[in-house]
Amino acid sequence: MGSRSTAGSTAVGSVALVSNSRSTAPPPLLPSRRTARPSRLDRPGRLTTILSITAASPGGRDAGPAPAPRVRTAAGGPGPDRAYRRVHNRRVPALSTLTAALRRPLAGRWGRPPRRDSGLLPGTPVHLTTSDDVDLAGVWVPGPPGLTLVVSHGMAHSIEQPATRRVIDGFARHGSVLAVDFRGHGGSGGRSSVGRDEPLDTDAAVALARSRSADPVVLVGFSMGGAVALIQAVLGEHRPDAVVAVSPPSRWFIRQSPAMRRVHWILEHPLGPLAARWIGLRLSGPWRQVPPSPLEVIGSIAVPVLLVQGDADDYFTPDDGRLLATAAGGRAELWVEPRMRHAEAGTSAALIDRIARWAADATAGQQAPPPAQGRAGRCRN
């Protein structure tokens, strides 16, 4: 009944485990650190593990054992477990969004170069100054004659990001392209006003495009850049020959989608400017006076206008495009693209080709006006 120990055997309860004295020694009670510890790529981060334990056990350590983390297999198996992700996101809903927003800027700042698309067409760096003395950086990509396109990127984008460079590369197959970083973005100086002062940047870019090419100039803007393009076509000194706005907002202060509520958190929260720096955006102060919205100015545009809106956009809905088309009084063409997401990231190569063909048809037979004289922009090359 009791436990009995003899040479070469150990009794536990009523079961005896007999070991051979000639065999090798049993493995140690504590496995080797080298063999037991997973690699850095396989084990989850400490912060993520702590948050998962907290989310799964509201009472802390005494609330029960935490679920075992999902470890990637040697063959590169699936990512985190779905049940873990549901619990994790219910407790800290903003963590995954914040991690995705910080991953690329942190990679660029801490030694790992950002991923670039391959096969980009060569371009010439340009530097210009706006009428309010803000230095801007951009790139000029020569292309086939007949058309010049000025690309205005979206908020927190720049000409160095793969999605924007892919758009530049696609348009350069149809004509020369000038793309400039907005103030507070990329290599440009100043601070971003998120639509109030950016028409001055686009005005300087159109003036530079006029000085470099005698072809018609078409202004193509994405998201915030689309709103800026519509405003510049009315209030700018150097106006384009046609305007294309892809995924533009119809008005300011839209909060109908979770993505736009996150944008307004960055713009309105006291910690917003600090968080914006991690996504490559340098913000200015709040608006003292609300500038005209695209919905208010689009009816005064005298050149052809194309509006492109996706039905899978996370930020704006096709209703924004319909509002703009209605306010244009029938002078704007609206494309609602199926399964298209937001701005540059949602623009396919086929859509880029269609936009370029529309721009060529809209400006066919037009003669570009001579460059206007003034302080709209000064090239410093």
Protein backbone atom coordinates (compact mmCIF):
# COMPACT_ATOMS: atom_id res chain seq x y z
CA MET A 1 0.00 0.00 0.00
CA GLY A 2 2.81 2.45 0.82
CA SER A 3 5.43 3.74 -1.52
CA ARG A 4 8.55 1.58 -1.75
CA SER A 5 11.83 2.53 -3.38
CA THR A 6 14.42 0.05 -4.55
CA ALA A 7 17.55 0.29 -6.70
CA GLY A 8 16.62 0.84 -10.33
CA SER A 9 12.87 1.41 -9.67
CA THR A 10 10.59 4.09 -8.27
CA ALA A 11 7.07 3.40 -6.97
CA VAL A 12 4.44 6.06 -7.26
CA GLY A 13 1.14 5.01 -5.64
CA SER A 14 0.58 1.47 -6.88
CA VAL A 15 2.37 1.90 -10.21
CA ALA A 16 6.07 1.08 -10.42
CA LEU A 17 8.29 2.67 -13.06
CA VAL A 18 11.27 0.39 -13.66
CA SER A 19 14.34 1.97 -15.19
CA ASN A 20 17.33 0.20 -16.68
CA SER A 21 20.53 0.99 -14.83
CA ARG A 22 22.48 0.71 -18.11
CA SER A 23 20.35 3.32 -19.93
CA THR A 24 21.26 6.96 -20.16
CA ALA A 25 20.30 9.40 -17.45
CA PRO A 26 16.77 10.77 -17.58
CA PRO A 27 16.32 14.29 -18.95
CA PRO A 28 16.66 17.07 -16.39
CA LEU A 29 13.58 18.36 -14.64
CA LEU A 30 14.09 21.82 -16.18
CA PRO A 31 14.52 21.62 -19.97
CA SER A 32 17.33 23.44 -21.62
CA ARG A 33 16.76 27.16 -22.21
CA ARG A 34 18.01 26.84 -25.78
CA THR A 35 15.64 24.01 -26.71
CA ALA A 36 12.53 25.12 -24.79
CA ARG A 37 12.41 28.82 -25.55
CA PRO A 38 10.85 29.71 -28.92
CA SER A 39 12.55 32.13 -31.24
CA ARG A 40 11.75 35.83 -31.23
CA LEU A 41 9.62 35.43 -34.34
CA ASP A 42 7.55 32.62 -32.79
CA ARG A 43 6.74 33.95 -29.33
CA PRO A 44 4.21 36.77 -28.86
CA GLY A 45 5.27 40.07 -27.38
CA ARG A 46 5.12 40.54 -23.63
CA LEU A 47 2.68 43.44 -23.88
CA THR A 48 0.32 41.43 -26.08
CA THR A 49 0.49 38.45 -23.69
CA ILE A 50 -0.20 40.64 -20.66
CA LEU A 51 -3.14 42.27 -22.39
CA SER A 52 -4.57 38.92 -23.45
CA ILE A 53 -4.31 37.60 -19.86
CA THR A 54 -6.01 40.75 -18.57
CA ALA A 55 -8.76 40.56 -21.18
CA ALA A 56 -9.44 36.87 -20.62
CA SER A 57 -9.26 37.07 -16.78
CA PRO A 58 -10.84 40.28 -15.45
CA GLY A 59 -9.99 39.27 -11.90
CA GLY A 60 -6.25 39.16 -12.51
CA ARG A 61 -3.98 36.19 -11.75
CA ASP A 62 -6.46 34.52 -9.38
CA ALA A 63 -9.24 34.49 -11.97
CA GLY A 64 -7.93 31.34 -13.60
CA PRO A 65 -5.22 30.25 -16.00
CA ALA A 66 -4.69 32.35 -19.11
CA PRO A 67 -5.18 30.70 -22.49
CA ALA A 68 -2.02 29.42 -24.08
CA PRO A 69 -0.73 31.76 -26.80
CA ARG A 70 -0.86 30.53 -30.36
CA VAL A 71 2.69 29.87 -31.57
CA ARG A 72 3.56 29.94 -35.24
CA THR A 73 4.49 26.58 -36.68
CA ALA A 74 7.83 25.85 -38.30
CA ALA A 75 6.20 25.92 -41.72
CA GLY A 76 4.78 29.38 -41.15
CA GLY A 77 1.32 28.52 -39.88
CA PRO A 78 -1.59 30.85 -39.24
CA GLY A 79 -1.42 33.97 -37.12
CA PRO A 80 -3.06 34.60 -33.74
CA ASP A 81 -6.03 32.51 -32.75
CA ARG A 82 -9.41 33.99 -33.65
CA ALA A 83 -10.81 33.53 -30.15
CA TYR A 84 -7.78 35.30 -28.71
CA ARG A 85 -8.21 38.14 -31.21
CA ARG A 86 -11.88 38.56 -30.30
CA VAL A 87 -11.15 38.75 -26.57
CA HIS A 88 -8.14 40.96 -27.17
CA ASN A 89 -9.94 43.48 -29.37
CA ARG A 90 -12.96 43.62 -27.06
CA ARG A 91 -10.79 44.72 -24.14
CA VAL A 92 -8.48 47.10 -26.02
CA PRO A 93 -10.17 47.98 -29.34
CA ALA A 94 -7.64 50.65 -30.34
CA LEU A 95 -4.50 48.56 -29.87
CA SER A 96 -4.59 46.81 -33.26
CA THR A 97 -5.29 50.11 -35.02
CA LEU A 98 -2.49 51.86 -33.17
CA THR A 99 -0.07 49.03 -33.89
CA ALA A 100 -0.88 49.08 -37.61
CA ALA A 101 -0.49 52.86 -37.71
CA LEU A 102 2.87 52.80 -35.94
CA ARG A 103 4.40 49.78 -37.66
CA ARG A 104 5.61 51.54 -40.80
CA PRO A 105 6.93 54.81 -39.26
CA LEU A 106 8.72 52.88 -36.53
CA ALA A 107 10.27 50.55 -39.08
CA GLY A 108 11.63 53.51 -41.02
CA ARG A 109 12.99 55.27 -37.96
CA TRP A 110 14.51 52.31 -36.15
CA GLY A 111 16.74 50.82 -38.77
CA ARG A 112 14.45 48.70 -40.94
CA PRO A 113 13.90 50.50 -44.27
CA PRO A 114 10.29 50.82 -45.42
CA ARG A 115 9.19 48.44 -48.12
CA ARG A 116 9.32 49.89 -51.63
CA ASP A 117 7.63 48.80 -54.80
CA SER A 118 9.94 47.63 -57.53
CA GLY A 119 9.96 48.79 -61.13
CA LEU A 120 9.34 52.47 -60.43
CA LEU A 121 10.09 54.89 -63.21
CA PRO A 122 13.02 57.24 -62.57
CA GLY A 123 12.16 60.78 -61.58
CA THR A 124 13.88 64.10 -60.97
CA PRO A 125 13.58 65.60 -57.47
CA VAL A 126 12.09 69.09 -57.46
CA HIS A 127 11.88 71.76 -54.79
CA LEU A 128 9.49 74.68 -54.86
CA THR A 129 8.22 77.42 -52.57
CA THR A 130 4.58 78.37 -52.07
CA SER A 131 3.20 81.90 -52.01
CA ASP A 132 3.30 81.84 -48.18
CA ASP A 133 6.98 80.78 -48.21
CA VAL A 134 6.65 77.06 -47.39
CA ASP A 135 9.30 74.83 -48.98
CA LEU A 136 7.92 71.76 -50.72
CA ALA A 137 9.65 68.65 -52.07
CA GLY A 138 8.43 66.61 -54.99
CA VAL A 139 9.35 64.52 -58.00
CA TRP A 140 9.00 65.11 -61.74
CA VAL A 141 8.61 61.99 -63.88
CA PRO A 142 8.71 62.66 -67.65
CA GLY A 143 6.34 60.67 -69.79
CA PRO A 144 4.75 60.58 -73.24
CA PRO A 145 3.80 63.99 -74.65
CA GLY A 146 0.24 65.25 -74.71
CA LEU A 147 -0.70 65.27 -71.03
CA THR A 148 0.71 66.44 -67.69
CA LEU A 149 -0.76 65.17 -64.44
CA VAL A 150 -0.25 66.77 -61.02
CA VAL A 151 -0.80 64.20 -58.24
CA SER A 152 -1.98 65.32 -54.79
CA HIS A 153 -1.69 62.59 -52.18
CA GLY A 154 -3.94 61.95 -49.21
CA MET A 155 -3.52 62.76 -45.54
CA ALA A 156 -0.49 61.14 -43.90
CA HIS A 157 0.77 59.92 -47.29
CA SER A 158 3.82 61.10 -49.21
CA ILE A 159 5.45 60.54 -52.57
CA GLU A 160 7.77 57.95 -50.97
CA GLN A 161 5.01 55.59 -49.90
CA PRO A 162 4.45 52.53 -52.10
CA ALA A 163 0.77 53.24 -52.79
CA THR A 164 1.52 56.79 -53.96
CA ARG A 165 4.54 55.74 -56.01
CA ARG A 166 2.43 53.05 -57.67
CA VAL A 167 -0.05 55.75 -58.72
CA ILE A 168 2.76 57.96 -60.01
CA ASP A 169 4.22 55.05 -61.93
CA GLY A 170 0.85 54.24 -63.50
CA PHE A 171 0.12 57.80 -64.60
CA ALA A 172 3.66 58.24 -65.98
CA ARG A 173 2.81 55.70 -68.67
CA HIS A 174 0.28 58.17 -70.07
CA GLY A 175 2.03 61.52 -69.59
CA SER A 176 4.45 63.51 -67.48
CA VAL A 177 3.73 63.48 -63.76
CA LEU A 178 4.51 66.01 -61.04
CA ALA A 179 3.89 64.86 -57.47
CA VAL A 180 4.59 67.09 -54.48
CA ASP A 181 4.48 66.37 -50.76
CA PHE A 182 1.95 68.56 -48.99
CA ARG A 183 3.21 70.78 -46.20
CA GLY A 184 3.78 68.81 -43.04
CA HIS A 185 4.26 65.59 -45.05
CA GLY A 186 7.32 63.72 -46.23
CA GLY A 187 10.21 65.93 -47.30
CA SER A 188 8.26 69.20 -47.35
CA GLY A 189 8.46 71.84 -44.66
CA GLY A 190 5.75 73.54 -42.71
CA ARG A 191 2.84 71.94 -40.90
CA SER A 192 -0.32 70.41 -42.27
CA SER A 193 -3.60 72.28 -41.86
CA VAL A 194 -5.56 69.30 -43.30
CA GLY A 195 -7.17 71.23 -46.15
CA ARG A 196 -7.04 74.89 -45.19
CA ASP A 197 -3.63 75.93 -46.57
CA GLU A 198 -2.92 72.98 -48.87
CA PRO A 199 -4.54 74.67 -51.93
CA LEU A 200 -1.47 76.95 -51.91
CA ASP A 201 0.73 73.85 -52.26
CA THR A 202 -1.32 72.58 -55.20
CA ASP A 203 -1.30 76.04 -56.77
CA ALA A 204 2.50 76.08 -56.70
CA ALA A 205 2.62 72.57 -58.17
CA VAL A 206 0.30 73.50 -61.07
CA ALA A 207 2.43 76.60 -61.75
CA LEU A 208 5.56 74.46 -61.88
CA ALA A 209 3.88 71.96 -64.20
CA ARG A 210 2.89 74.80 -66.54
CA SER A 211 6.48 76.02 -66.64
CA ARG A 212 7.84 72.57 -67.48
CA SER A 213 5.33 71.43 -70.07
CA ALA A 214 3.12 72.99 -72.73
CA ASP A 215 0.63 70.12 -72.48
CA PRO A 216 -2.73 70.44 -70.69
CA VAL A 217 -2.44 70.02 -66.92
CA VAL A 218 -4.84 67.70 -65.11
CA LEU A 219 -4.97 67.80 -61.31
CA VAL A 220 -5.55 64.39 -59.68
CA GLY A 221 -6.17 64.34 -55.93
CA PHE A 222 -6.75 61.49 -53.50
CA SER A 223 -8.80 61.75 -50.29
CA MET A 224 -7.70 65.03 -48.67
CA GLY A 225 -5.81 65.78 -51.87
CA GLY A 226 -9.06 65.36 -53.80
CA ALA A 227 -10.79 67.96 -51.65
CA VAL A 228 -7.80 70.27 -52.07
CA ALA A 229 -7.90 69.79 -55.86
CA LEU A 230 -11.56 70.80 -56.04
CA ILE A 231 -10.94 73.90 -53.93
CA GLN A 232 -7.82 74.92 -55.86
CA ALA A 233 -9.67 74.65 -59.16
CA VAL A 234 -11.92 77.49 -57.96
CA LEU A 235 -9.74 79.61 -55.68
CA GLY A 236 -6.29 78.98 -57.13
CA GLU A 237 -4.33 81.44 -59.22
CA HIS A 238 -2.94 78.73 -61.53
CA ARG A 239 -5.95 76.56 -62.32
CA PRO A 240 -5.77 73.19 -64.10
CA ASP A 241 -7.45 72.17 -67.33
CA ALA A 242 -9.34 69.31 -65.67
CA VAL A 243 -9.78 67.92 -62.15
CA VAL A 244 -10.01 64.34 -60.89
CA ALA A 245 -10.96 63.74 -57.24
CA VAL A 246 -10.60 60.16 -55.98
CA SER A 247 -12.30 59.34 -52.65
CA PRO A 248 -12.79 62.99 -51.67
CA PRO A 249 -14.84 64.13 -48.68
CA SER A 250 -17.92 66.14 -49.59
CA ARG A 251 -17.61 68.38 -46.53
CA TRP A 252 -15.54 68.83 -43.40
CA PHE A 253 -16.12 67.17 -40.00
CA ILE A 254 -17.46 63.87 -41.32
CA ARG A 255 -17.69 61.34 -38.47
CA GLN A 256 -19.99 58.71 -39.95
CA SER A 257 -17.32 55.97 -40.16
CA PRO A 258 -14.99 54.58 -37.49
CA ALA A 259 -12.00 55.50 -39.65
CA MET A 260 -13.04 59.17 -39.74
CA ARG A 261 -13.66 59.17 -35.99
CA ARG A 262 -10.07 58.04 -35.53
CA VAL A 263 -8.93 60.85 -37.84
CA HIS A 264 -10.85 63.40 -35.78
CA TRP A 265 -9.34 62.00 -32.59
CA ILE A 266 -5.91 62.82 -34.00
CA LEU A 267 -7.07 66.29 -35.05
CA GLU A 268 -8.92 67.22 -31.86
CA HIS A 269 -7.36 65.33 -28.94
CA PRO A 270 -4.54 67.06 -27.00
CA LEU A 271 -2.30 64.07 -27.72
CA GLY A 272 -3.29 64.03 -31.40
CA PRO A 273 -0.27 66.01 -32.72
CA LEU A 274 2.06 63.63 -30.91
CA ALA A 275 0.30 60.58 -32.34
CA ALA A 276 0.31 62.19 -35.79
CA ARG A 277 4.10 62.38 -35.79
CA TRP A 278 4.27 58.59 -35.63
CA ILE A 279 2.29 58.31 -38.88
CA GLY A 280 4.42 60.89 -40.69
CA LEU A 281 2.16 63.92 -40.20
CA ARG A 282 3.18 67.27 -38.68
CA LEU A 283 0.04 69.17 -37.71
CA SER A 284 -0.53 72.89 -37.31
CA GLY A 285 -2.95 74.48 -34.88
CA PRO A 286 -6.74 74.24 -35.07
CA TRP A 287 -8.73 76.19 -37.60
CA ARG A 288 -9.71 79.68 -36.51
CA GLN A 289 -12.05 79.96 -39.46
CA VAL A 290 -13.55 77.01 -41.34
CA PRO A 291 -12.45 77.08 -45.02
CA PRO A 292 -14.89 76.45 -47.86
CA SER A 293 -15.75 72.79 -48.29
CA PRO A 294 -15.70 70.90 -51.60
CA LEU A 295 -19.50 70.81 -51.54
CA GLU A 296 -19.59 74.62 -51.47
CA VAL A 297 -17.13 75.27 -54.31
CA ILE A 298 -17.64 72.46 -56.80
CA GLY A 299 -20.49 74.29 -58.52
CA SER A 300 -18.08 77.08 -59.51
CA ILE A 301 -15.52 74.86 -61.26
CA ALA A 302 -15.36 75.77 -64.94
CA VAL A 303 -13.25 72.82 -66.16
CA PRO A 304 -14.20 69.13 -66.56
CA VAL A 305 -14.49 67.28 -63.26
CA LEU A 306 -14.32 63.53 -62.57
CA LEU A 307 -15.37 62.11 -59.19
CA VAL A 308 -14.32 58.56 -58.29
CA GLN A 309 -15.74 56.87 -55.21
CA GLY A 310 -15.53 53.24 -54.10
CA ASP A 311 -18.41 51.35 -52.52
CA ALA A 312 -16.02 49.58 -50.09
CA ASP A 313 -14.41 52.79 -48.80
CA ASP A 314 -13.69 52.73 -45.05
CA TYR A 315 -13.78 56.53 -44.78
CA PHE A 316 -16.45 57.92 -47.11
CA THR A 317 -19.50 56.43 -48.81
CA PRO A 318 -20.76 56.76 -52.39
CA ASP A 319 -23.28 59.26 -51.02
CA ASP A 320 -20.44 61.77 -50.68
CA GLY A 321 -19.73 61.42 -54.38
CA ARG A 322 -23.41 61.77 -55.23
CA LEU A 323 -23.69 64.94 -53.14
CA LEU A 324 -20.73 66.45 -54.96
CA ALA A 325 -22.08 65.45 -58.37
CA THR A 326 -25.45 67.00 -57.55
CA ALA A 327 -23.85 70.21 -56.29
CA ALA A 328 -21.82 70.43 -59.52
CA GLY A 329 -25.05 70.91 -61.44
CA GLY A 330 -24.46 68.08 -63.88
CA ARG A 331 -21.00 69.31 -64.92
CA ALA A 332 -19.18 66.56 -63.01
CA GLU A 333 -18.94 62.89 -63.97
CA LEU A 334 -19.26 60.34 -61.16
CA TRP A 335 -17.79 56.85 -61.12
CA VAL A 336 -18.87 54.54 -58.29
CA GLU A 337 -16.38 51.70 -58.38
CA PRO A 338 -17.41 48.28 -57.02
CA ARG A 339 -15.18 46.73 -54.34
CA MET A 340 -12.88 49.75 -54.36
CA ARG A 341 -11.39 50.83 -51.05
CA HIS A 342 -10.00 54.22 -50.11
CA ALA A 343 -7.82 56.58 -52.16
CA GLU A 344 -4.36 55.49 -53.38
CA ALA A 345 -4.42 52.13 -51.63
CA GLY A 346 -7.72 51.22 -53.29
CA THR A 347 -6.84 52.45 -56.78
CA SER A 348 -6.02 49.60 -59.14
CA ALA A 349 -3.79 49.76 -62.20
CA ALA A 350 -6.84 49.40 -64.45
CA LEU A 351 -8.54 52.35 -62.75
CA ILE A 352 -5.38 54.46 -63.17
CA ASP A 353 -5.45 53.74 -66.90
CA ARG A 354 -9.15 54.66 -67.14
CA ILE A 355 -8.58 57.94 -65.29
CA ALA A 356 -5.67 58.79 -67.58
CA ARG A 357 -7.77 58.08 -70.67
CA TRP A 358 -10.59 60.25 -69.30
CA ALA A 359 -8.11 63.07 -68.66
CA ALA A 360 -6.76 62.81 -72.20
CA ASP A 361 -10.28 62.88 -73.69
CA ALA A 362 -11.41 65.74 -71.44
CA THR A 363 -8.47 67.92 -72.48
CA ALA A 364 -8.33 66.87 -76.14
CA GLY A 365 -8.03 69.89 -78.37
CA GLN A 366 -7.38 72.24 -75.47
CA GLN A 367 -4.43 74.58 -75.62
CA ALA A 368 -2.70 75.10 -72.31
CA PRO A 369 -2.71 78.76 -71.19
CA PRO A 370 0.64 80.48 -70.71
CA PRO A 371 2.07 80.41 -67.18
CA ALA A 372 0.60 83.22 -65.09
CA GLN A 373 2.94 85.68 -63.47
CA GLY A 374 2.84 85.95 -59.70
CA ARG A 375 4.04 84.48 -56.41
CA ALA A 376 1.98 81.30 -56.59
CA GLY A 377 5.17 79.26 -56.53
CA ARG A 378 8.89 79.45 -57.14
CA CYS A 379 10.98 76.52 -58.31
CA ARG A 380 14.32 76.29 -56.55
CA ASN A 381 16.02 73.79 -58.89
